[in-house]
């Protein structure tokens, strides 16, 4: 099932939802269709690709910090490229291993291929002589929306 972009009342992007959820929003009249698939309907509603909320939703919490850490987020942030060899990444690696107190944070995790992750093992990149190709960063809400 495809996804639908949800815009705030001021046309700022909020998040994405399923088509089913978007139709429910239209039915409850909390959103209006901004863009839709031509000549495709579910009942009386066009199948939307973009909906806009009728009432503005305050999102002050988004200015204070970025999105929460997740494995999928790390892979997306690094464009599914291994931070050690540049190949296709399939997993994540902790720069400071978890066995040494490393946490699941944006600044301590990078995307890695299985081969490099196995080779690095329970060592830091310096100890394994595997320098990072880039320094991990914490994404902002703006950069996360463009992914």
N, C-alpha and C. Protein backbone atom coordinates (compact mmCIF):
# COMPACT_ATOMS: atom_id res chain seq x y z
N UNK A 1 0.85 -1.18 0.00
CA UNK A 1 0.00 0.00 0.00
C UNK A 1 0.89 1.24 0.00
N UNK A 2 0.55 2.24 -0.77
CA UNK A 2 1.38 3.42 -0.89
C UNK A 2 1.20 4.34 0.31
N UNK A 3 2.09 5.32 0.42
CA UNK A 3 2.05 6.25 1.54
C UNK A 3 1.55 7.61 1.07
N UNK A 4 1.01 8.35 2.02
CA UNK A 4 0.45 9.66 1.76
C UNK A 4 1.17 10.67 2.64
N UNK A 5 1.63 11.75 2.06
CA UNK A 5 2.28 12.81 2.81
C UNK A 5 1.22 13.66 3.50
N UNK A 6 1.43 13.92 4.80
CA UNK A 6 0.50 14.75 5.57
C UNK A 6 1.17 16.10 5.80
N UNK A 7 0.49 17.16 5.38
CA UNK A 7 0.97 18.52 5.58
C UNK A 7 0.20 19.17 6.72
N UNK A 8 0.86 20.05 7.45
CA UNK A 8 0.18 20.83 8.47
C UNK A 8 -0.68 21.87 7.77
N UNK A 9 -1.49 22.59 8.51
CA UNK A 9 -2.37 23.60 7.92
C UNK A 9 -1.57 24.72 7.24
N UNK A 10 -0.30 24.92 7.67
CA UNK A 10 0.55 25.93 7.04
C UNK A 10 1.39 25.35 5.90
N UNK A 11 1.04 24.17 5.43
CA UNK A 11 1.69 23.45 4.33
C UNK A 11 3.08 22.92 4.68
N UNK A 12 3.43 22.89 5.94
CA UNK A 12 4.70 22.28 6.37
C UNK A 12 4.53 20.79 6.48
N UNK A 13 5.53 20.00 6.08
CA UNK A 13 5.40 18.54 6.16
C UNK A 13 5.40 18.06 7.60
N UNK A 14 4.51 17.09 7.90
CA UNK A 14 4.45 16.51 9.24
C UNK A 14 4.97 15.09 9.26
N UNK A 15 4.34 14.21 8.48
CA UNK A 15 4.74 12.82 8.45
C UNK A 15 4.05 12.13 7.28
N UNK A 16 4.22 10.81 7.20
CA UNK A 16 3.57 10.02 6.15
C UNK A 16 2.66 8.99 6.81
N UNK A 17 1.55 8.71 6.15
CA UNK A 17 0.60 7.72 6.65
C UNK A 17 0.18 6.83 5.49
N UNK A 18 -0.50 5.75 5.81
CA UNK A 18 -1.02 4.85 4.77
C UNK A 18 -2.23 5.49 4.10
N UNK A 19 -2.58 4.97 2.94
CA UNK A 19 -3.77 5.47 2.22
C UNK A 19 -5.01 5.24 3.08
N UNK A 20 -5.07 4.10 3.74
CA UNK A 20 -6.20 3.79 4.60
C UNK A 20 -6.37 4.85 5.70
N UNK A 21 -5.26 5.20 6.34
CA UNK A 21 -5.30 6.22 7.40
C UNK A 21 -5.71 7.57 6.82
N UNK A 22 -5.20 7.90 5.64
CA UNK A 22 -5.55 9.18 5.00
C UNK A 22 -7.04 9.25 4.68
N UNK A 23 -7.62 8.15 4.21
CA UNK A 23 -9.06 8.13 3.92
C UNK A 23 -9.86 8.35 5.19
N UNK A 24 -9.41 7.73 6.30
CA UNK A 24 -10.08 7.96 7.59
C UNK A 24 -10.00 9.43 8.00
N UNK A 25 -8.86 10.06 7.73
CA UNK A 25 -8.72 11.49 8.06
C UNK A 25 -9.68 12.32 7.22
N UNK A 26 -9.84 11.96 5.96
CA UNK A 26 -10.78 12.68 5.09
C UNK A 26 -12.21 12.45 5.56
N UNK A 27 -12.53 11.23 5.93
CA UNK A 27 -13.88 10.91 6.40
C UNK A 27 -14.23 11.69 7.67
N UNK A 28 -13.26 11.82 8.59
CA UNK A 28 -13.47 12.57 9.83
C UNK A 28 -13.38 14.08 9.62
N UNK A 29 -13.04 14.49 8.42
CA UNK A 29 -12.93 15.90 8.02
C UNK A 29 -11.87 16.65 8.82
N UNK A 30 -10.77 15.96 9.13
CA UNK A 30 -9.64 16.63 9.77
C UNK A 30 -8.58 16.99 8.75
N UNK A 31 -8.76 16.52 7.51
CA UNK A 31 -7.82 16.81 6.43
C UNK A 31 -8.56 16.98 5.13
N UNK A 32 -7.89 17.66 4.18
CA UNK A 32 -8.42 17.83 2.83
C UNK A 32 -7.37 17.35 1.85
N UNK A 33 -7.81 16.94 0.67
CA UNK A 33 -6.91 16.44 -0.36
C UNK A 33 -6.21 17.60 -1.05
N UNK A 34 -4.89 17.52 -1.13
CA UNK A 34 -4.11 18.51 -1.88
C UNK A 34 -3.72 17.95 -3.24
N UNK A 35 -3.31 16.68 -3.27
CA UNK A 35 -3.00 15.99 -4.53
C UNK A 35 -3.58 14.59 -4.44
N UNK A 36 -4.00 14.08 -5.60
CA UNK A 36 -4.59 12.74 -5.63
C UNK A 36 -4.26 12.06 -6.95
N UNK A 37 -4.40 10.73 -6.97
CA UNK A 37 -4.25 9.98 -8.21
C UNK A 37 -5.43 10.33 -9.12
N UNK A 38 -5.17 10.61 -10.39
CA UNK A 38 -6.27 10.95 -11.28
C UNK A 38 -7.16 9.73 -11.56
N UNK A 39 -8.45 9.96 -11.53
CA UNK A 39 -9.46 8.95 -11.86
C UNK A 39 -9.39 7.70 -10.97
N UNK A 40 -8.93 7.84 -9.74
CA UNK A 40 -8.91 6.71 -8.82
C UNK A 40 -9.62 7.14 -7.55
N UNK A 41 -10.62 6.36 -7.15
CA UNK A 41 -11.43 6.71 -5.99
C UNK A 41 -11.64 5.51 -5.08
N UNK A 42 -11.80 5.80 -3.81
CA UNK A 42 -12.27 4.81 -2.84
C UNK A 42 -13.57 5.39 -2.32
N UNK A 43 -14.68 4.83 -2.78
CA UNK A 43 -15.99 5.40 -2.45
C UNK A 43 -16.10 6.79 -3.09
N UNK A 44 -16.40 7.78 -2.29
CA UNK A 44 -16.52 9.15 -2.82
C UNK A 44 -15.20 9.91 -2.71
N UNK A 45 -14.20 9.32 -2.08
CA UNK A 45 -12.92 10.00 -1.87
C UNK A 45 -11.91 9.64 -2.95
N UNK A 46 -11.22 10.65 -3.50
CA UNK A 46 -10.11 10.33 -4.41
C UNK A 46 -8.96 9.72 -3.61
N UNK A 47 -8.16 8.86 -4.24
CA UNK A 47 -7.02 8.26 -3.55
C UNK A 47 -5.93 9.33 -3.44
N UNK A 48 -5.67 9.81 -2.23
CA UNK A 48 -4.75 10.94 -2.08
C UNK A 48 -3.28 10.52 -2.13
N UNK A 49 -2.44 11.46 -2.55
CA UNK A 49 -0.99 11.32 -2.42
C UNK A 49 -0.48 12.34 -1.41
N UNK A 50 -1.21 13.47 -1.27
CA UNK A 50 -0.88 14.50 -0.28
C UNK A 50 -2.17 15.01 0.33
N UNK A 51 -2.22 15.06 1.67
CA UNK A 51 -3.36 15.65 2.37
C UNK A 51 -2.85 16.76 3.28
N UNK A 52 -3.73 17.74 3.54
CA UNK A 52 -3.40 18.86 4.42
C UNK A 52 -4.39 18.89 5.57
N UNK A 53 -3.86 19.06 6.79
CA UNK A 53 -4.74 19.14 7.95
C UNK A 53 -5.54 20.43 7.92
N UNK A 54 -6.77 20.38 8.42
CA UNK A 54 -7.65 21.54 8.46
C UNK A 54 -7.21 22.49 9.57
N UNK A 55 -6.84 21.93 10.72
CA UNK A 55 -6.39 22.73 11.86
C UNK A 55 -4.89 22.58 12.03
N UNK A 56 -4.25 23.67 12.43
CA UNK A 56 -2.80 23.67 12.63
C UNK A 56 -2.44 22.83 13.85
N UNK A 57 -1.40 22.00 13.73
CA UNK A 57 -0.90 21.19 14.83
C UNK A 57 0.42 21.80 15.28
N UNK A 58 0.52 22.14 16.56
CA UNK A 58 1.74 22.73 17.10
C UNK A 58 2.83 21.67 17.17
N UNK A 59 3.98 21.97 16.63
CA UNK A 59 5.08 21.01 16.61
C UNK A 59 6.33 21.61 17.24
N UNK A 60 6.18 22.29 18.35
CA UNK A 60 7.32 22.91 19.03
C UNK A 60 8.36 21.88 19.43
N UNK A 61 7.94 20.67 19.75
CA UNK A 61 8.87 19.63 20.18
C UNK A 61 9.89 19.30 19.10
N UNK A 62 9.59 19.58 17.86
CA UNK A 62 10.53 19.29 16.78
C UNK A 62 11.72 20.24 16.75
N UNK A 63 11.60 21.45 17.30
CA UNK A 63 12.71 22.39 17.28
C UNK A 63 13.76 22.02 18.32
N UNK A 64 13.38 21.32 19.36
CA UNK A 64 14.31 21.08 20.46
C UNK A 64 15.35 20.00 20.14
N UNK A 65 14.98 18.99 19.40
CA UNK A 65 15.92 17.92 19.08
C UNK A 65 15.47 17.22 17.81
N UNK A 66 16.33 16.40 17.29
CA UNK A 66 16.02 15.68 16.06
C UNK A 66 15.23 14.42 16.32
N UNK A 67 15.04 13.63 15.28
CA UNK A 67 14.29 12.38 15.42
C UNK A 67 15.04 11.38 16.30
N UNK A 68 14.29 10.47 16.89
CA UNK A 68 14.88 9.45 17.75
C UNK A 68 15.72 8.47 16.94
N UNK A 69 16.68 7.84 17.62
CA UNK A 69 17.59 6.91 16.98
C UNK A 69 16.87 5.63 16.59
N UNK A 70 17.22 5.10 15.42
CA UNK A 70 16.72 3.79 14.99
C UNK A 70 17.71 3.20 14.00
N UNK A 71 17.71 1.89 13.89
CA UNK A 71 18.60 1.22 12.93
C UNK A 71 18.27 1.66 11.50
N UNK A 72 16.98 1.70 11.19
CA UNK A 72 16.58 2.13 9.84
C UNK A 72 17.00 3.57 9.59
N UNK A 73 16.92 4.41 10.62
CA UNK A 73 17.34 5.80 10.47
C UNK A 73 18.82 5.93 10.19
N UNK A 74 19.64 5.11 10.84
CA UNK A 74 21.09 5.13 10.60
C UNK A 74 21.38 4.70 9.17
N UNK A 75 20.72 3.64 8.71
CA UNK A 75 20.94 3.18 7.34
C UNK A 75 20.51 4.25 6.33
N UNK A 76 19.40 4.92 6.59
CA UNK A 76 18.96 5.99 5.70
C UNK A 76 19.91 7.18 5.74
N UNK A 77 20.34 7.56 6.95
CA UNK A 77 21.26 8.70 7.08
C UNK A 77 22.53 8.47 6.27
N UNK A 78 23.05 7.24 6.29
CA UNK A 78 24.29 6.91 5.60
C UNK A 78 24.06 6.40 4.18
N UNK A 79 22.84 6.56 3.67
CA UNK A 79 22.48 6.15 2.30
C UNK A 79 22.81 4.69 2.02
N UNK A 80 22.67 3.85 3.05
CA UNK A 80 22.93 2.41 2.93
C UNK A 80 24.32 2.12 2.36
N UNK A 81 25.30 2.96 2.73
CA UNK A 81 26.70 2.79 2.33
C UNK A 81 27.54 2.50 3.56
N UNK A 82 28.45 1.55 3.45
CA UNK A 82 29.32 1.18 4.56
C UNK A 82 30.26 2.34 4.88
N UNK A 83 30.36 2.70 6.14
CA UNK A 83 31.22 3.81 6.57
C UNK A 83 32.69 3.42 6.54
N UNK A 84 33.01 2.15 6.35
CA UNK A 84 34.40 1.70 6.35
C UNK A 84 34.93 1.46 4.93
N UNK A 85 34.16 0.75 4.10
CA UNK A 85 34.65 0.43 2.75
C UNK A 85 33.88 1.14 1.64
N UNK A 86 32.71 1.69 1.94
CA UNK A 86 31.90 2.38 0.94
C UNK A 86 30.97 1.46 0.17
N UNK A 87 30.98 0.17 0.48
CA UNK A 87 30.11 -0.79 -0.20
C UNK A 87 28.68 -0.71 0.32
N UNK A 88 27.85 -1.62 -0.14
CA UNK A 88 26.44 -1.65 0.28
C UNK A 88 26.35 -2.12 1.73
N UNK A 89 25.67 -1.34 2.55
CA UNK A 89 25.54 -1.66 3.97
C UNK A 89 24.28 -2.46 4.23
N UNK A 90 24.39 -3.42 5.13
CA UNK A 90 23.23 -4.23 5.49
C UNK A 90 22.94 -4.20 6.99
N UNK A 91 23.83 -3.61 7.77
CA UNK A 91 23.67 -3.59 9.22
C UNK A 91 24.27 -2.30 9.77
N UNK A 92 24.24 -2.16 11.08
CA UNK A 92 24.87 -0.99 11.70
C UNK A 92 26.03 -1.45 12.57
N UNK A 93 26.96 -0.54 12.82
CA UNK A 93 28.10 -0.83 13.67
C UNK A 93 28.24 0.28 14.71
N UNK A 94 28.60 -0.10 15.92
CA UNK A 94 28.84 0.88 16.98
C UNK A 94 30.31 1.29 16.93
N UNK A 95 30.57 2.58 16.78
CA UNK A 95 31.94 3.08 16.73
C UNK A 95 32.66 2.70 18.02
N UNK A 96 32.10 3.04 19.15
CA UNK A 96 32.57 2.53 20.44
C UNK A 96 31.68 1.33 20.75
N UNK A 97 32.24 0.12 20.74
CA UNK A 97 31.41 -1.08 20.90
C UNK A 97 30.55 -1.04 22.17
N UNK A 98 29.40 -1.67 22.09
CA UNK A 98 28.48 -1.71 23.22
C UNK A 98 29.10 -2.40 24.43
N UNK A 99 29.99 -3.35 24.19
CA UNK A 99 30.66 -4.05 25.30
C UNK A 99 31.59 -3.13 26.08
N UNK A 100 31.92 -1.98 25.48
CA UNK A 100 32.78 -1.01 26.15
C UNK A 100 32.00 0.23 26.59
N UNK A 101 30.70 0.12 26.60
CA UNK A 101 29.87 1.23 27.07
C UNK A 101 29.29 2.09 25.97
N UNK A 102 29.46 1.71 24.71
CA UNK A 102 28.89 2.46 23.60
C UNK A 102 27.38 2.36 23.59
N UNK A 103 26.73 3.45 23.28
CA UNK A 103 25.26 3.49 23.30
C UNK A 103 24.68 3.51 21.90
N UNK A 104 23.38 3.26 21.81
CA UNK A 104 22.65 3.38 20.56
C UNK A 104 22.31 4.85 20.36
N UNK A 105 23.24 5.62 19.84
CA UNK A 105 23.04 7.04 19.56
C UNK A 105 23.45 7.32 18.12
N UNK A 106 22.99 8.45 17.61
CA UNK A 106 23.32 8.85 16.25
C UNK A 106 24.83 9.02 16.07
N UNK A 107 25.52 9.53 17.09
CA UNK A 107 26.94 9.83 16.96
C UNK A 107 27.82 8.60 17.19
N UNK A 108 27.26 7.49 17.66
CA UNK A 108 28.04 6.30 17.94
C UNK A 108 27.74 5.16 16.97
N UNK A 109 26.85 5.34 16.02
CA UNK A 109 26.52 4.26 15.10
C UNK A 109 26.68 4.70 13.65
N UNK A 110 27.11 3.77 12.83
CA UNK A 110 27.26 4.01 11.38
C UNK A 110 26.75 2.78 10.64
N UNK A 111 26.39 2.97 9.39
CA UNK A 111 26.00 1.84 8.55
C UNK A 111 27.26 1.07 8.17
N UNK A 112 27.16 -0.26 8.08
CA UNK A 112 28.31 -1.09 7.75
C UNK A 112 27.87 -2.32 6.98
N UNK A 113 28.78 -2.82 6.17
CA UNK A 113 28.49 -4.10 5.50
C UNK A 113 28.83 -5.21 6.49
N UNK A 114 28.32 -6.39 6.26
CA UNK A 114 28.55 -7.50 7.17
C UNK A 114 30.03 -7.85 7.30
N UNK A 115 30.76 -7.77 6.20
CA UNK A 115 32.18 -8.11 6.20
C UNK A 115 32.98 -7.16 7.09
N UNK A 116 32.77 -5.85 6.92
CA UNK A 116 33.49 -4.87 7.74
C UNK A 116 33.06 -4.93 9.20
N UNK A 117 31.78 -5.16 9.45
CA UNK A 117 31.29 -5.26 10.82
C UNK A 117 31.94 -6.45 11.53
N UNK A 118 32.06 -7.57 10.83
CA UNK A 118 32.70 -8.76 11.40
C UNK A 118 34.18 -8.52 11.61
N UNK A 119 34.83 -7.86 10.64
CA UNK A 119 36.28 -7.61 10.72
C UNK A 119 36.60 -6.67 11.88
N UNK A 120 35.79 -5.64 12.07
CA UNK A 120 36.04 -4.68 13.15
C UNK A 120 35.81 -5.32 14.51
N UNK A 121 34.75 -6.13 14.60
CA UNK A 121 34.48 -6.86 15.82
C UNK A 121 34.27 -5.96 17.03
N UNK A 122 34.93 -6.30 18.12
CA UNK A 122 34.76 -5.63 19.40
C UNK A 122 35.88 -4.61 19.64
N UNK A 123 36.26 -3.89 18.58
CA UNK A 123 37.33 -2.91 18.69
C UNK A 123 36.85 -1.55 18.19
N UNK A 124 37.60 -0.52 18.51
CA UNK A 124 37.31 0.80 17.96
C UNK A 124 37.89 0.85 16.55
N UNK A 125 37.46 1.81 15.71
CA UNK A 125 38.02 1.89 14.36
C UNK A 125 39.55 2.07 14.37
N UNK A 126 40.09 2.80 15.32
CA UNK A 126 41.54 3.00 15.39
C UNK A 126 42.25 1.68 15.72
N UNK A 127 41.71 0.93 16.66
CA UNK A 127 42.32 -0.35 17.03
C UNK A 127 42.26 -1.36 15.89
N UNK A 128 41.18 -1.31 15.12
CA UNK A 128 41.01 -2.24 14.00
C UNK A 128 41.70 -1.74 12.73
N UNK A 129 42.26 -0.53 12.79
CA UNK A 129 42.89 0.12 11.62
C UNK A 129 41.90 0.21 10.46
N UNK A 130 40.69 0.65 10.81
CA UNK A 130 39.62 0.82 9.83
C UNK A 130 39.03 2.22 10.00
N UNK A 131 39.65 3.23 9.39
CA UNK A 131 39.16 4.60 9.57
C UNK A 131 37.77 4.79 8.95
N UNK A 132 36.98 5.65 9.59
CA UNK A 132 35.66 5.98 9.06
C UNK A 132 35.81 6.89 7.85
N UNK A 133 34.98 6.69 6.85
CA UNK A 133 35.00 7.55 5.66
C UNK A 133 34.31 8.89 5.94
N UNK A 134 33.44 8.93 6.94
CA UNK A 134 32.77 10.17 7.33
C UNK A 134 32.46 10.09 8.82
N UNK A 135 32.26 11.25 9.40
CA UNK A 135 31.93 11.33 10.82
C UNK A 135 30.42 11.25 10.99
N UNK A 136 29.93 10.37 11.86
CA UNK A 136 28.47 10.28 12.05
C UNK A 136 27.91 11.57 12.66
N UNK A 137 26.73 11.96 12.19
CA UNK A 137 26.07 13.16 12.69
C UNK A 137 24.65 12.81 13.12
N UNK A 138 24.10 13.65 13.96
CA UNK A 138 22.71 13.49 14.37
C UNK A 138 21.84 14.28 13.39
N UNK A 139 20.86 13.64 12.75
CA UNK A 139 20.03 14.36 11.79
C UNK A 139 19.07 15.32 12.47
N UNK A 140 18.69 16.35 11.73
CA UNK A 140 17.66 17.28 12.19
C UNK A 140 16.34 16.85 11.57
N UNK A 141 15.24 17.47 12.01
CA UNK A 141 13.94 17.12 11.42
C UNK A 141 13.90 17.48 9.94
N UNK A 142 14.55 18.57 9.55
CA UNK A 142 14.55 18.98 8.15
C UNK A 142 15.28 17.96 7.30
N UNK A 143 16.46 17.50 7.74
CA UNK A 143 17.20 16.51 6.96
C UNK A 143 16.48 15.17 6.96
N UNK A 144 15.80 14.82 8.04
CA UNK A 144 15.07 13.55 8.10
C UNK A 144 13.87 13.56 7.16
N UNK A 145 13.25 14.71 6.96
CA UNK A 145 12.10 14.80 6.07
C UNK A 145 12.50 14.61 4.61
N UNK A 146 13.74 14.94 4.27
CA UNK A 146 14.18 14.83 2.88
C UNK A 146 14.63 13.42 2.53
N UNK A 147 14.75 12.53 3.52
CA UNK A 147 15.20 11.16 3.25
C UNK A 147 14.14 10.33 2.63
